[in-house]
Amino acid sequence: MDQPLPQSYTISINNGYKELIIKHGSSLLAGLARNGLLIPSACGGNARCGYCKVKVVDGGGPVTPREEPLLSSEDKAQNMRLACQVLVQNNLSLEIPDNLFSVKRFSGKLTKKDLLTYDILGLEIEVAGSGTIDFTAGQYVQLKSLPYDGKDAVLRNFSIGSPPSRNTGIELMIRRIPHGIFTNWAFDHLKIGDSISFTGPYGNFKASNSSTPLLFIAGGSGMAPVWSILQDLREKKASRKICFFFGALTQKDLFLTDQLYGLQKELPDFTFIPALSNEPVQSSWTGERGLITEVVSRNVKDCKGYEAYLCGSPGMINACIKVLCSGGIPEKDIFFDKFV
């Protein structure tokens, strides 16, 4: 006679550091969330975003067809899986980044909403109830929209643009995506005083604590984590050599330029270099022109000894990695946050 299936299984995390009991048949993502372990996910468990990757050391079963497009050959070699697609059908052994143990749910209130450019929105959110959020400069949070015009609520990830010292709230920079469910909500429906729920902080993108020179390259809303890190370095009176290249199409795509030029007076060895790739030839612009990769190559002839931090679109980041490696930076010293 067949034995009845057990009602729950043990999930061992980081070699027994934490153990959870999850019901048979639950998705790993949902089961972890019910136990307060909030793995990032932006698609509601539909295997579209790829954010919920975890290392399943043992017990995960074969990779499912829905996971295949979102797992690289390297991911598979390292036993990475999409937590939303792993069903709990036996005991599991997982490895996850330590910082996920400190992720929490937050309620907040929108206190400021400004257009930074025609398509980038600045938000300031205060944590409710005189609460605080502890994070490292460079990390991100996951916000939840509200339903509108027949659209369901969705989750999206956004880097924190404020420094960790201002821990009673967060500042975000949101770029409008045409027909984007979340960004249309944020631009057109979200109002000052509205409540916003979010989880975080997430991510390992952060500047090292060494004295190594730093090279930042960003575009668009990729400004946010860099601006957070730079403000943090200013408050810590960092003396490191720092260069920040910001790529944009035209002058109307630039923002925070006054603050960044002002930072050159506050950090002893900081240089800010904005570059425009599609600015009209006859315009008043006297700064750098061209693709950001070209501008970096012109201004930093020898990259040896630098650490590089890149934020922006996958295409921009991939192109910059090639240039930096050819300029002498080992790939292990190039860190990035791809905005998709």
C-alpha atoms as a PDB file:
ATOM      1  CA  MET A   1       0.000   0.000   0.000  1.00  0.00           C
ATOM      2  CA  ASP A   2       1.283   3.480  -0.889  1.00  0.00           C
ATOM      3  CA  GLN A   3       2.364   5.559   2.072  1.00  0.00           C
ATOM      4  CA  PRO A   4       0.590   8.945   2.471  1.00  0.00           C
ATOM      5  CA  LEU A   5       2.652  11.957   1.517  1.00  0.00           C
ATOM      6  CA  PRO A   6       4.012  13.952   4.465  1.00  0.00           C
ATOM      7  CA  GLN A   7       2.242  17.256   5.028  1.00  0.00           C
ATOM      8  CA  SER A   8       5.412  19.351   5.271  1.00  0.00           C
ATOM      9  CA  TYR A   9       9.169  19.275   4.729  1.00  0.00           C
ATOM     10  CA  THR A  10      12.280  20.754   6.293  1.00  0.00           C
ATOM     11  CA  ILE A  11      14.101  23.516   4.395  1.00  0.00           C
ATOM     12  CA  SER A  12      17.699  23.824   5.590  1.00  0.00           C
ATOM     13  CA  ILE A  13      19.299  27.152   4.721  1.00  0.00           C
ATOM     14  CA  ASN A  14      23.025  27.941   4.614  1.00  0.00           C
ATOM     15  CA  ASN A  15      24.188  24.624   6.016  1.00  0.00           C
ATOM     16  CA  GLY A  16      21.678  24.588   8.860  1.00  0.00           C
ATOM     17  CA  TYR A  17      21.982  28.261   9.868  1.00  0.00           C
ATOM     18  CA  LYS A  18      18.194  28.418   9.631  1.00  0.00           C
ATOM     19  CA  GLU A  19      15.591  25.684   9.229  1.00  0.00           C
ATOM     20  CA  LEU A  20      11.990  26.167   8.135  1.00  0.00           C
ATOM     21  CA  ILE A  21       8.996  23.873   7.790  1.00  0.00           C
ATOM     22  CA  ILE A  22       7.040  24.329   4.554  1.00  0.00           C
ATOM     23  CA  LYS A  23       3.894  22.548   3.418  1.00  0.00           C
ATOM     24  CA  HIS A  24       4.031  19.924   0.698  1.00  0.00           C
ATOM     25  CA  GLY A  25       3.258  21.341  -2.749  1.00  0.00           C
ATOM     26  CA  SER A  26       3.989  24.990  -1.928  1.00  0.00           C
ATOM     27  CA  SER A  27       6.241  26.932  -4.240  1.00  0.00           C
ATOM     28  CA  LEU A  28       9.558  27.561  -2.539  1.00  0.00           C
ATOM     29  CA  LEU A  29       9.125  31.321  -3.033  1.00  0.00           C
ATOM     30  CA  ALA A  30       5.722  31.407  -1.335  1.00  0.00           C
ATOM     31  CA  GLY A  31       6.768  29.040   1.440  1.00  0.00           C
ATOM     32  CA  LEU A  32       9.810  31.133   2.305  1.00  0.00           C
ATOM     33  CA  ALA A  33       7.711  34.323   2.283  1.00  0.00           C
ATOM     34  CA  ARG A  34       5.188  32.798   4.693  1.00  0.00           C
ATOM     35  CA  ASN A  35       8.099  32.210   7.036  1.00  0.00           C
ATOM     36  CA  GLY A  36       9.322  35.795   6.766  1.00  0.00           C
ATOM     37  CA  LEU A  37      12.142  35.151   4.294  1.00  0.00           C
ATOM     38  CA  LEU A  38      11.430  37.571   1.461  1.00  0.00           C
ATOM     39  CA  ILE A  39      13.222  36.588  -1.737  1.00  0.00           C
ATOM     40  CA  PRO A  40      12.980  39.335  -4.402  1.00  0.00           C
ATOM     41  CA  SER A  41      10.430  38.722  -7.160  1.00  0.00           C
ATOM     42  CA  ALA A  42       8.750  41.158  -9.532  1.00  0.00           C
ATOM     43  CA  CYS A  43       6.415  38.946 -11.567  1.00  0.00           C
ATOM     44  CA  GLY A  44       4.206  37.363  -8.933  1.00  0.00           C
ATOM     45  CA  GLY A  45       5.795  33.939  -9.285  1.00  0.00           C
ATOM     46  CA  ASN A  46       5.211  33.615 -13.032  1.00  0.00           C
ATOM     47  CA  ALA A  47       8.812  32.894 -14.082  1.00  0.00           C
ATOM     48  CA  ARG A  48       9.194  36.136 -16.034  1.00  0.00           C
ATOM     49  CA  CYS A  49      11.527  38.368 -14.019  1.00  0.00           C
ATOM     50  CA  GLY A  50      14.242  35.933 -12.918  1.00  0.00           C
ATOM     51  CA  TYR A  51      14.875  37.806  -9.666  1.00  0.00           C
ATOM     52  CA  CYS A  52      14.056  34.933  -7.305  1.00  0.00           C
ATOM     53  CA  LYS A  53      17.151  32.839  -7.995  1.00  0.00           C
ATOM     54  CA  VAL A  54      18.388  30.734  -5.076  1.00  0.00           C
ATOM     55  CA  LYS A  55      20.978  28.001  -4.904  1.00  0.00           C
ATOM     56  CA  VAL A  56      19.285  24.649  -4.296  1.00  0.00           C
ATOM     57  CA  VAL A  57      22.086  22.424  -3.049  1.00  0.00           C
ATOM     58  CA  ASP A  58      19.904  19.335  -2.693  1.00  0.00           C
ATOM     59  CA  GLY A  59      16.326  18.243  -3.300  1.00  0.00           C
ATOM     60  CA  GLY A  60      15.160  20.655  -5.986  1.00  0.00           C
ATOM     61  CA  GLY A  61      14.520  18.144  -8.743  1.00  0.00           C
ATOM     62  CA  PRO A  62      15.108  18.869 -12.434  1.00  0.00           C
ATOM     63  CA  VAL A  63      15.023  22.374 -13.916  1.00  0.00           C
ATOM     64  CA  THR A  64      11.541  23.060 -15.316  1.00  0.00           C
ATOM     65  CA  PRO A  65      10.858  24.289 -18.870  1.00  0.00           C
ATOM     66  CA  ARG A  66       9.637  27.641 -17.517  1.00  0.00           C
ATOM     67  CA  GLU A  67      12.984  28.203 -15.786  1.00  0.00           C
ATOM     68  CA  GLU A  68      15.147  27.347 -18.784  1.00  0.00           C
ATOM     69  CA  PRO A  69      15.058  30.779 -20.513  1.00  0.00           C
ATOM     70  CA  LEU A  70      16.044  32.584 -17.298  1.00  0.00           C
ATOM     71  CA  LEU A  71      18.894  30.337 -16.148  1.00  0.00           C
ATOM     72  CA  SER A  72      22.299  30.609 -17.794  1.00  0.00           C
ATOM     73  CA  SER A  73      24.616  27.634 -18.189  1.00  0.00           C
ATOM     74  CA  GLU A  74      26.620  29.093 -15.288  1.00  0.00           C
ATOM     75  CA  ASP A  75      23.452  29.307 -13.171  1.00  0.00           C
ATOM     76  CA  LYS A  76      22.687  25.648 -13.833  1.00  0.00           C
ATOM     77  CA  ALA A  77      26.255  24.587 -13.054  1.00  0.00           C
ATOM     78  CA  GLN A  78      25.904  26.338  -9.683  1.00  0.00           C
ATOM     79  CA  ASN A  79      22.490  24.731  -8.970  1.00  0.00           C
ATOM     80  CA  MET A  80      20.682  28.065  -9.175  1.00  0.00           C
ATOM     81  CA  ARG A  81      16.902  27.794  -9.482  1.00  0.00           C
ATOM     82  CA  LEU A  82      13.903  30.098  -9.664  1.00  0.00           C
ATOM     83  CA  ALA A  83      12.298  29.822  -6.237  1.00  0.00           C
ATOM     84  CA  CYS A  84       8.874  30.469  -7.747  1.00  0.00           C
ATOM     85  CA  GLN A  85       9.162  27.317  -9.872  1.00  0.00           C
ATOM     86  CA  VAL A  86      10.570  24.898  -7.294  1.00  0.00           C
ATOM     87  CA  LEU A  87       7.777  22.932  -5.650  1.00  0.00           C
ATOM     88  CA  VAL A  88       8.407  21.687  -2.135  1.00  0.00           C
ATOM     89  CA  GLN A  89       8.025  17.924  -2.505  1.00  0.00           C
ATOM     90  CA  ASN A  90      10.813  16.754  -0.208  1.00  0.00           C
ATOM     91  CA  ASN A  91      13.422  18.150   2.180  1.00  0.00           C
ATOM     92  CA  LEU A  92      15.522  20.888   0.590  1.00  0.00           C
ATOM     93  CA  SER A  93      18.942  22.376   1.235  1.00  0.00           C
ATOM     94  CA  LEU A  94      19.469  25.985   0.102  1.00  0.00           C
ATOM     95  CA  GLU A  95      22.145  28.650   0.041  1.00  0.00           C
ATOM     96  CA  ILE A  96      21.115  32.308  -0.030  1.00  0.00           C
ATOM     97  CA  PRO A  97      22.971  35.617   0.538  1.00  0.00           C
ATOM     98  CA  ASP A  98      23.159  36.515   4.214  1.00  0.00           C
ATOM     99  CA  ASN A  99      21.629  39.948   3.609  1.00  0.00           C
ATOM    100  CA  LEU A 100      18.281  38.367   2.726  1.00  0.00           C
ATOM    101  CA  PHE A 101      17.806  37.447   6.398  1.00  0.00           C
ATOM    102  CA  SER A 102      17.460  41.156   7.221  1.00  0.00           C
ATOM    103  CA  VAL A 103      14.853  41.947   4.541  1.00  0.00           C
ATOM    104  CA  LYS A 104      11.626  43.289   6.046  1.00  0.00           C
ATOM    105  CA  ARG A 105       8.196  44.515   4.986  1.00  0.00           C
ATOM    106  CA  PHE A 106       7.633  48.257   5.312  1.00  0.00           C
ATOM    107  CA  SER A 107       4.721  50.632   5.098  1.00  0.00           C
ATOM    108  CA  GLY A 108       5.477  54.167   4.044  1.00  0.00           C
ATOM    109  CA  LYS A 109       3.915  57.465   3.002  1.00  0.00           C
ATOM    110  CA  LEU A 110       4.827  59.477  -0.068  1.00  0.00           C
ATOM    111  CA  THR A 111       6.107  62.845   1.105  1.00  0.00           C
ATOM    112  CA  LYS A 112       7.605  64.266  -2.095  1.00  0.00           C
ATOM    113  CA  LYS A 113       7.138  63.713  -5.831  1.00  0.00           C
ATOM    114  CA  ASP A 114       9.177  65.659  -8.403  1.00  0.00           C
ATOM    115  CA  LEU A 115      10.110  65.286 -12.043  1.00  0.00           C
ATOM    116  CA  LEU A 116      13.911  65.118 -12.228  1.00  0.00           C
ATOM    117  CA  THR A 117      13.746  65.018 -16.034  1.00  0.00           C
ATOM    118  CA  TYR A 118      10.853  64.641 -18.474  1.00  0.00           C
ATOM    119  CA  ASP A 119      10.935  60.845 -17.922  1.00  0.00           C
ATOM    120  CA  ILE A 120      12.580  60.339 -14.517  1.00  0.00           C
ATOM    121  CA  LEU A 121      10.521  60.764 -11.373  1.00  0.00           C
ATOM    122  CA  GLY A 122      11.949  61.432  -7.927  1.00  0.00           C
ATOM    123  CA  LEU A 123      10.044  60.043  -4.943  1.00  0.00           C
ATOM    124  CA  GLU A 124      10.604  60.466  -1.231  1.00  0.00           C
ATOM    125  CA  ILE A 125       8.929  57.879   1.002  1.00  0.00           C
ATOM    126  CA  GLU A 126       8.797  58.158   4.791  1.00  0.00           C
ATOM    127  CA  VAL A 127       8.673  54.939   6.784  1.00  0.00           C
ATOM    128  CA  ALA A 128       5.396  54.783   8.700  1.00  0.00           C
ATOM    129  CA  GLY A 129       5.132  55.036  12.452  1.00  0.00           C
ATOM    130  CA  SER A 130       8.478  56.748  13.037  1.00  0.00           C
ATOM    131  CA  GLY A 131      10.130  53.575  11.791  1.00  0.00           C
ATOM    132  CA  THR A 132      13.528  53.250  10.157  1.00  0.00           C
ATOM    133  CA  ILE A 133      15.127  51.195   7.402  1.00  0.00           C
ATOM    134  CA  ASP A 134      18.736  50.096   7.727  1.00  0.00           C
ATOM    135  CA  PHE A 135      20.482  49.661   4.393  1.00  0.00           C
ATOM    136  CA  THR A 136      23.851  49.876   2.691  1.00  0.00           C
ATOM    137  CA  ALA A 137      24.464  52.496   0.003  1.00  0.00           C
ATOM    138  CA  GLY A 138      23.818  50.792  -3.333  1.00  0.00           C
ATOM    139  CA  GLN A 139      21.013  48.476  -2.233  1.00  0.00           C
ATOM    140  CA  TYR A 140      17.456  48.446  -3.579  1.00  0.00           C
ATOM    141  CA  VAL A 141      13.875  47.957  -2.429  1.00  0.00           C
ATOM    142  CA  GLN A 142      10.847  46.343  -4.037  1.00  0.00           C
ATOM    143  CA  LEU A 143       7.720  48.501  -4.259  1.00  0.00           C
ATOM    144  CA  LYS A 144       4.143  47.393  -4.790  1.00  0.00           C
ATOM    145  CA  SER A 145       1.768  49.452  -6.902  1.00  0.00           C
ATOM    146  CA  LEU A 146      -1.977  49.691  -6.359  1.00  0.00           C
ATOM    147  CA  PRO A 147      -4.595  48.561  -8.897  1.00  0.00           C
ATOM    148  CA  TYR A 148      -5.790  51.242 -11.339  1.00  0.00           C
ATOM    149  CA  ASP A 149      -7.726  51.393 -14.622  1.00  0.00           C
ATOM    150  CA  GLY A 150      -8.240  47.629 -14.566  1.00  0.00           C
ATOM    151  CA  LYS A 151      -4.526  46.960 -14.015  1.00  0.00           C
ATOM    152  CA  ASP A 152      -3.504  44.619 -11.189  1.00  0.00           C
ATOM    153  CA  ALA A 153      -0.973  45.525  -8.519  1.00  0.00           C
ATOM    154  CA  VAL A 154       2.623  44.696  -9.528  1.00  0.00           C
ATOM    155  CA  LEU A 155       6.020  44.592  -7.837  1.00  0.00           C
ATOM    156  CA  ARG A 156       9.093  46.401  -9.155  1.00  0.00           C
ATOM    157  CA  ASN A 157      12.662  46.912  -7.931  1.00  0.00           C
ATOM    158  CA  PHE A 158      14.222  50.362  -7.476  1.00  0.00           C
ATOM    159  CA  SER A 159      17.624  51.370  -6.125  1.00  0.00           C
ATOM    160  CA  ILE A 160      17.693  53.678  -3.116  1.00  0.00           C
ATOM    161  CA  GLY A 161      19.069  57.097  -4.022  1.00  0.00           C
ATOM    162  CA  SER A 162      19.502  58.498  -0.510  1.00  0.00           C
ATOM    163  CA  PRO A 163      22.360  57.784   1.936  1.00  0.00           C
ATOM    164  CA  PRO A 164      22.020  55.236   4.775  1.00  0.00           C
ATOM    165  CA  SER A 165      22.299  58.019   7.359  1.00  0.00           C
ATOM    166  CA  ARG A 166      18.792  59.195   6.405  1.00  0.00           C
ATOM    167  CA  ASN A 167      17.158  55.985   7.554  1.00  0.00           C
ATOM    168  CA  THR A 168      13.676  57.319   8.346  1.00  0.00           C
ATOM    169  CA  GLY A 169      12.803  56.988   4.676  1.00  0.00           C
ATOM    170  CA  ILE A 170      14.114  56.421   1.173  1.00  0.00           C
ATOM    171  CA  GLU A 171      14.495  58.391  -2.037  1.00  0.00           C
ATOM    172  CA  LEU A 172      13.950  56.708  -5.394  1.00  0.00           C
ATOM    173  CA  MET A 173      14.461  57.589  -9.067  1.00  0.00           C
ATOM    174  CA  ILE A 174      11.939  55.958 -11.395  1.00  0.00           C
ATOM    175  CA  ARG A 175      12.280  56.079 -15.167  1.00  0.00           C
ATOM    176  CA  ARG A 176       9.061  55.983 -17.150  1.00  0.00           C
ATOM    177  CA  ILE A 177       8.647  52.875 -19.277  1.00  0.00           C
ATOM    178  CA  PRO A 178       6.146  53.295 -22.141  1.00  0.00           C
ATOM    179  CA  HIS A 179       3.010  51.331 -21.247  1.00  0.00           C
ATOM    180  CA  GLY A 180       4.697  50.242 -17.991  1.00  0.00           C
ATOM    181  CA  ILE A 181       2.063  49.248 -15.442  1.00  0.00           C
ATOM    182  CA  PHE A 182       4.119  50.357 -12.441  1.00  0.00           C
ATOM    183  CA  THR A 183       5.653  53.504 -13.892  1.00  0.00           C
ATOM    184  CA  ASN A 184       2.328  54.770 -15.251  1.00  0.00           C
ATOM    185  CA  TRP A 185       0.880  54.281 -11.758  1.00  0.00           C
ATOM    186  CA  ALA A 186       3.790  56.144 -10.157  1.00  0.00           C
ATOM    187  CA  PHE A 187       3.738  59.045 -12.637  1.00  0.00           C
ATOM    188  CA  ASP A 188      -0.019  59.457 -13.155  1.00  0.00           C
ATOM    189  CA  HIS A 189      -1.840  58.063 -10.105  1.00  0.00           C
ATOM    190  CA  LEU A 190       0.423  58.164  -7.031  1.00  0.00           C
ATOM    191  CA  LYS A 191      -0.157  61.268  -4.900  1.00  0.00           C
ATOM    192  CA  ILE A 192       1.534  62.981  -1.962  1.00  0.00           C
ATOM    193  CA  GLY A 193       0.282  61.407   1.254  1.00  0.00           C
ATOM    194  CA  ASP A 194      -0.525  58.047  -0.346  1.00  0.00           C
ATOM    195  CA  SER A 195       0.556  54.882   1.436  1.00  0.00           C
ATOM    196  CA  ILE A 196       3.166  52.688  -0.225  1.00  0.00           C
ATOM    197  CA  SER A 197       4.226  49.196   0.788  1.00  0.00           C
ATOM    198  CA  PHE A 198       7.694  47.880   0.037  1.00  0.00           C
ATOM    199  CA  THR A 199      10.208  45.264   1.089  1.00  0.00           C
ATOM    200  CA  GLY A 200      13.967  45.458   1.428  1.00  0.00           C
ATOM    201  CA  PRO A 201      16.748  46.140   1.474  1.00  0.00           C
ATOM    202  CA  TYR A 202      18.070  43.815  -1.228  1.00  0.00           C
ATOM    203  CA  GLY A 203      21.306  43.465  -3.152  1.00  0.00           C
ATOM    204  CA  ASN A 204      25.061  43.267  -2.799  1.00  0.00           C
ATOM    205  CA  PHE A 205      25.943  46.284  -4.933  1.00  0.00           C
ATOM    206  CA  LYS A 206      28.137  48.490  -2.729  1.00  0.00           C
ATOM    207  CA  ALA A 207      31.518  50.176  -2.740  1.00  0.00           C
ATOM    208  CA  SER A 208      34.366  48.343  -1.052  1.00  0.00           C
ATOM    209  CA  ASN A 209      35.956  49.659   2.131  1.00  0.00           C
ATOM    210  CA  SER A 210      39.451  49.700   0.629  1.00  0.00           C
ATOM    211  CA  SER A 211      41.454  52.744  -0.500  1.00  0.00           C
ATOM    212  CA  THR A 212      41.336  51.630  -4.151  1.00  0.00           C
ATOM    213  CA  PRO A 213      40.372  54.351  -6.673  1.00  0.00           C
ATOM    214  CA  LEU A 214      36.733  54.152  -7.763  1.00  0.00           C
ATOM    215  CA  LEU A 215      35.301  54.460 -11.254  1.00  0.00           C
ATOM    216  CA  PHE A 216      31.508  54.843 -11.554  1.00  0.00           C
ATOM    217  CA  ILE A 217      29.610  54.675 -14.843  1.00  0.00           C
ATOM    218  CA  ALA A 218      25.831  55.121 -15.003  1.00  0.00           C
ATOM    219  CA  GLY A 219      23.007  56.211 -17.250  1.00  0.00           C
ATOM    220  CA  GLY A 220      19.421  57.300 -16.615  1.00  0.00           C
ATOM    221  CA  SER A 221      17.947  56.095 -13.324  1.00  0.00           C
ATOM    222  CA  GLY A 222      21.205  54.177 -12.802  1.00  0.00           C
ATOM    223  CA  MET A 223      22.133  57.440 -11.097  1.00  0.00           C
ATOM    224  CA  ALA A 224      20.294  56.327  -7.925  1.00  0.00           C
ATOM    225  CA  PRO A 225      22.696  53.792  -6.358  1.00  0.00           C
ATOM    226  CA  VAL A 226      25.738  55.848  -7.363  1.00  0.00           C
ATOM    227  CA  TRP A 227      24.266  58.999  -5.814  1.00  0.00           C
ATOM    228  CA  SER A 228      23.560  57.049  -2.619  1.00  0.00           C
ATOM    229  CA  ILE A 229      27.139  55.750  -2.504  1.00  0.00           C
ATOM    230  CA  LEU A 230      28.666  59.160  -3.253  1.00  0.00           C
ATOM    231  CA  GLN A 231      26.655  60.865  -0.502  1.00  0.00           C
ATOM    232  CA  ASP A 232      27.735  58.132   1.909  1.00  0.00           C
ATOM    233  CA  LEU A 233      31.398  58.588   0.932  1.00  0.00           C
ATOM    234  CA  ARG A 234      31.062  62.345   1.449  1.00  0.00           C
ATOM    235  CA  GLU A 235      29.627  61.865   4.927  1.00  0.00           C
ATOM    236  CA  LYS A 236      32.472  59.482   5.750  1.00  0.00           C
ATOM    237  CA  LYS A 237      34.996  62.067   4.463  1.00  0.00           C
ATOM    238  CA  ALA A 238      36.475  59.544   2.033  1.00  0.00           C
ATOM    239  CA  SER A 239      39.820  60.513   0.496  1.00  0.00           C
ATOM    240  CA  ARG A 240      39.792  57.973  -2.331  1.00  0.00           C
ATOM    241  CA  LYS A 241      40.216  58.978  -5.956  1.00  0.00           C
ATOM    242  CA  ILE A 242      36.722  58.835  -7.488  1.00  0.00           C
ATOM    243  CA  CYS A 243      35.541  59.466 -11.042  1.00  0.00           C
ATOM    244  CA  PHE A 244      31.884  59.336 -12.088  1.00  0.00           C
ATOM    245  CA  PHE A 245      30.909  59.166 -15.754  1.00  0.00           C
ATOM    246  CA  PHE A 246      27.207  59.748 -16.453  1.00  0.00           C
ATOM    247  CA  GLY A 247      25.913  59.011 -19.941  1.00  0.00           C
ATOM    248  CA  ALA A 248      22.816  60.654 -21.408  1.00  0.00           C
ATOM    249  CA  LEU A 249      21.377  61.436 -24.826  1.00  0.00           C
ATOM    250  CA  THR A 250      20.919  65.206 -24.587  1.00  0.00           C
ATOM    251  CA  GLN A 251      21.008  67.992 -22.017  1.00  0.00           C
ATOM    252  CA  LYS A 252      17.349  67.411 -21.145  1.00  0.00           C
ATOM    253  CA  ASP A 253      18.331  63.946 -19.877  1.00  0.00           C
ATOM    254  CA  LEU A 254      20.775  65.337 -17.284  1.00  0.00           C
ATOM    255  CA  PHE A 255      19.838  65.823 -13.627  1.00  0.00           C
ATOM    256  CA  LEU A 256      21.538  66.394 -10.250  1.00  0.00           C
ATOM    257  CA  THR A 257      24.375  68.057 -12.154  1.00  0.00           C
ATOM    258  CA  ASP A 258      24.634  71.022  -9.759  1.00  0.00           C
ATOM    259  CA  GLN A 259      24.823  68.679  -6.779  1.00  0.00           C
ATOM    260  CA  LEU A 260      27.438  66.491  -8.443  1.00  0.00           C
ATOM    261  CA  TYR A 261      29.617  69.402  -9.526  1.00  0.00           C
ATOM    262  CA  GLY A 262      29.262  70.723  -5.981  1.00  0.00           C
ATOM    263  CA  LEU A 263      30.487  67.385  -4.675  1.00  0.00           C
ATOM    264  CA  GLN A 264      33.823  68.106  -6.371  1.00  0.00           C
ATOM    265  CA  LYS A 265      34.341  70.785  -3.720  1.00  0.00           C
ATOM    266  CA  GLU A 266      33.480  68.443  -0.845  1.00  0.00           C
ATOM    267  CA  LEU A 267      35.356  65.265  -1.794  1.00  0.00           C
ATOM    268  CA  PRO A 268      39.097  65.903  -2.172  1.00  0.00           C
ATOM    269  CA  ASP A 269      39.656  63.777  -5.297  1.00  0.00           C
ATOM    270  CA  PHE A 270      36.267  63.489  -7.025  1.00  0.00           C
ATOM    271  CA  THR A 271      35.563  64.212 -10.697  1.00  0.00           C
ATOM    272  CA  PHE A 272      32.153  64.259 -12.353  1.00  0.00           C
ATOM    273  CA  ILE A 273      32.035  63.859 -16.153  1.00  0.00           C
ATOM    274  CA  PRO A 274      28.638  63.930 -17.872  1.00  0.00           C
ATOM    275  CA  ALA A 275      28.642  62.868 -21.530  1.00  0.00           C
ATOM    276  CA  LEU A 276      25.993  63.328 -24.224  1.00  0.00           C
ATOM    277  CA  SER A 277      25.688  60.926 -27.145  1.00  0.00           C
ATOM    278  CA  ASN A 278      22.918  62.612 -29.171  1.00  0.00           C
ATOM    279  CA  GLU A 279      23.233  66.316 -28.410  1.00  0.00           C
ATOM    280  CA  PRO A 280      22.705  68.598 -31.455  1.00  0.00           C
ATOM    281  CA  VAL A 281      26.042  69.784 -32.852  1.00  0.00           C
ATOM    282  CA  GLN A 282      25.002  73.460 -32.789  1.00  0.00           C
ATOM    283  CA  SER A 283      23.880  73.418 -29.133  1.00  0.00           C
ATOM    284  CA  SER A 284      25.479  75.279 -26.231  1.00  0.00           C
ATOM    285  CA  TRP A 285      26.901  72.062 -24.734  1.00  0.00           C
ATOM    286  CA  THR A 286      30.669  72.311 -24.169  1.00  0.00           C
ATOM    287  CA  GLY A 287      31.158  69.072 -22.245  1.00  0.00           C
ATOM    288  CA  GLU A 288      31.987  65.570 -23.414  1.00  0.00           C
ATOM    289  CA  ARG A 289      30.198  64.072 -26.407  1.00  0.00           C
ATOM    290  CA  GLY A 290      29.917  60.519 -27.665  1.00  0.00           C
ATOM    291  CA  LEU A 291      29.068  57.100 -26.329  1.00  0.00           C
ATOM    292  CA  ILE A 292      29.983  56.688 -22.683  1.00  0.00           C
ATOM    293  CA  THR A 293      32.483  53.951 -23.577  1.00  0.00           C
ATOM    294  CA  GLU A 294      34.320  56.387 -25.870  1.00  0.00           C
ATOM    295  CA  VAL A 295      34.332  59.097 -23.212  1.00  0.00           C
ATOM    296  CA  VAL A 296      35.704  56.749 -20.549  1.00  0.00           C
ATOM    297  CA  SER A 297      38.475  55.602 -22.924  1.00  0.00           C
ATOM    298  CA  ARG A 298      39.446  59.210 -23.676  1.00  0.00           C
ATOM    299  CA  ASN A 299      39.569  60.290 -20.047  1.00  0.00           C
ATOM    300  CA  VAL A 300      40.994  57.229 -18.296  1.00  0.00           C
ATOM    301  CA  LYS A 301      43.849  55.952 -20.425  1.00  0.00           C
ATOM    302  CA  ASP A 302      45.033  53.409 -17.875  1.00  0.00           C
ATOM    303  CA  CYS A 303      42.384  51.733 -15.716  1.00  0.00           C
ATOM    304  CA  LYS A 304      44.778  49.515 -13.785  1.00  0.00           C
ATOM    305  CA  GLY A 305      44.277  49.723 -10.031  1.00  0.00           C
ATOM    306  CA  TYR A 306      40.650  50.900 -10.212  1.00  0.00           C
ATOM    307  CA  GLU A 307      37.468  49.243  -9.033  1.00  0.00           C
ATOM    308  CA  ALA A 308      34.577  49.904 -11.418  1.00  0.00           C
ATOM    309  CA  TYR A 309      30.874  50.143 -10.538  1.00  0.00           C
ATOM    310  CA  LEU A 310      28.366  50.200 -13.390  1.00  0.00           C
ATOM    311  CA  CYS A 311      24.620  50.959 -13.287  1.00  0.00           C
ATOM    312  CA  GLY A 312      22.271  51.074 -16.232  1.00  0.00           C
ATOM    313  CA  SER A 313      20.948  49.034 -19.115  1.00  0.00           C
ATOM    314  CA  PRO A 314      22.439  45.601 -19.883  1.00  0.00           C
ATOM    315  CA  GLY A 315      23.717  46.876 -23.253  1.00  0.00           C
ATOM    316  CA  MET A 316      25.569  49.798 -21.694  1.00  0.00           C
ATOM    317  CA  ILE A 317      27.037  47.656 -18.952  1.00  0.00           C
ATOM    318  CA  ASN A 318      28.234  44.922 -21.301  1.00  0.00           C
ATOM    319  CA  ALA A 319      29.909  47.486 -23.561  1.00  0.00           C
ATOM    320  CA  CYS A 320      31.594  49.173 -20.593  1.00  0.00           C
ATOM    321  CA  ILE A 321      32.904  45.875 -19.221  1.00  0.00           C
ATOM    322  CA  LYS A 322      34.736  45.240 -22.508  1.00  0.00           C
ATOM    323  CA  VAL A 323      36.303  48.698 -22.486  1.00  0.00           C
ATOM    324  CA  LEU A 324      37.358  48.500 -18.838  1.00  0.00           C
ATOM    325  CA  CYS A 325      38.871  45.050 -19.215  1.00  0.00           C
ATOM    326  CA  SER A 326      40.855  46.192 -22.253  1.00  0.00           C
ATOM    327  CA  GLY A 327      41.971  49.168 -20.165  1.00  0.00           C
ATOM    328  CA  GLY A 328      43.461  46.962 -17.472  1.00  0.00           C
ATOM    329  CA  ILE A 329      40.733  46.329 -14.885  1.00  0.00           C
ATOM    330  CA  PRO A 330      40.349  42.623 -14.069  1.00  0.00           C
ATOM    331  CA  GLU A 331      36.745  41.476 -14.447  1.00  0.00           C
ATOM    332  CA  LYS A 332      36.704  40.514 -10.766  1.00  0.00           C
ATOM    333  CA  ASP A 333      37.042  44.222  -9.926  1.00  0.00           C
ATOM    334  CA  ILE A 334      34.069  45.260 -12.054  1.00  0.00           C
ATOM    335  CA  PHE A 335      30.733  45.301 -10.243  1.00  0.00           C
ATOM    336  CA  PHE A 336      27.396  46.109 -11.814  1.00  0.00           C
ATOM    337  CA  ASP A 337      23.696  46.584 -11.277  1.00  0.00           C
ATOM    338  CA  LYS A 338      21.779  45.921 -14.492  1.00  0.00           C
ATOM    339  CA  PHE A 339      18.491  47.777 -14.750  1.00  0.00           C
ATOM    340  CA  VAL A 340      16.001  45.759 -16.763  1.00  0.00           C
END
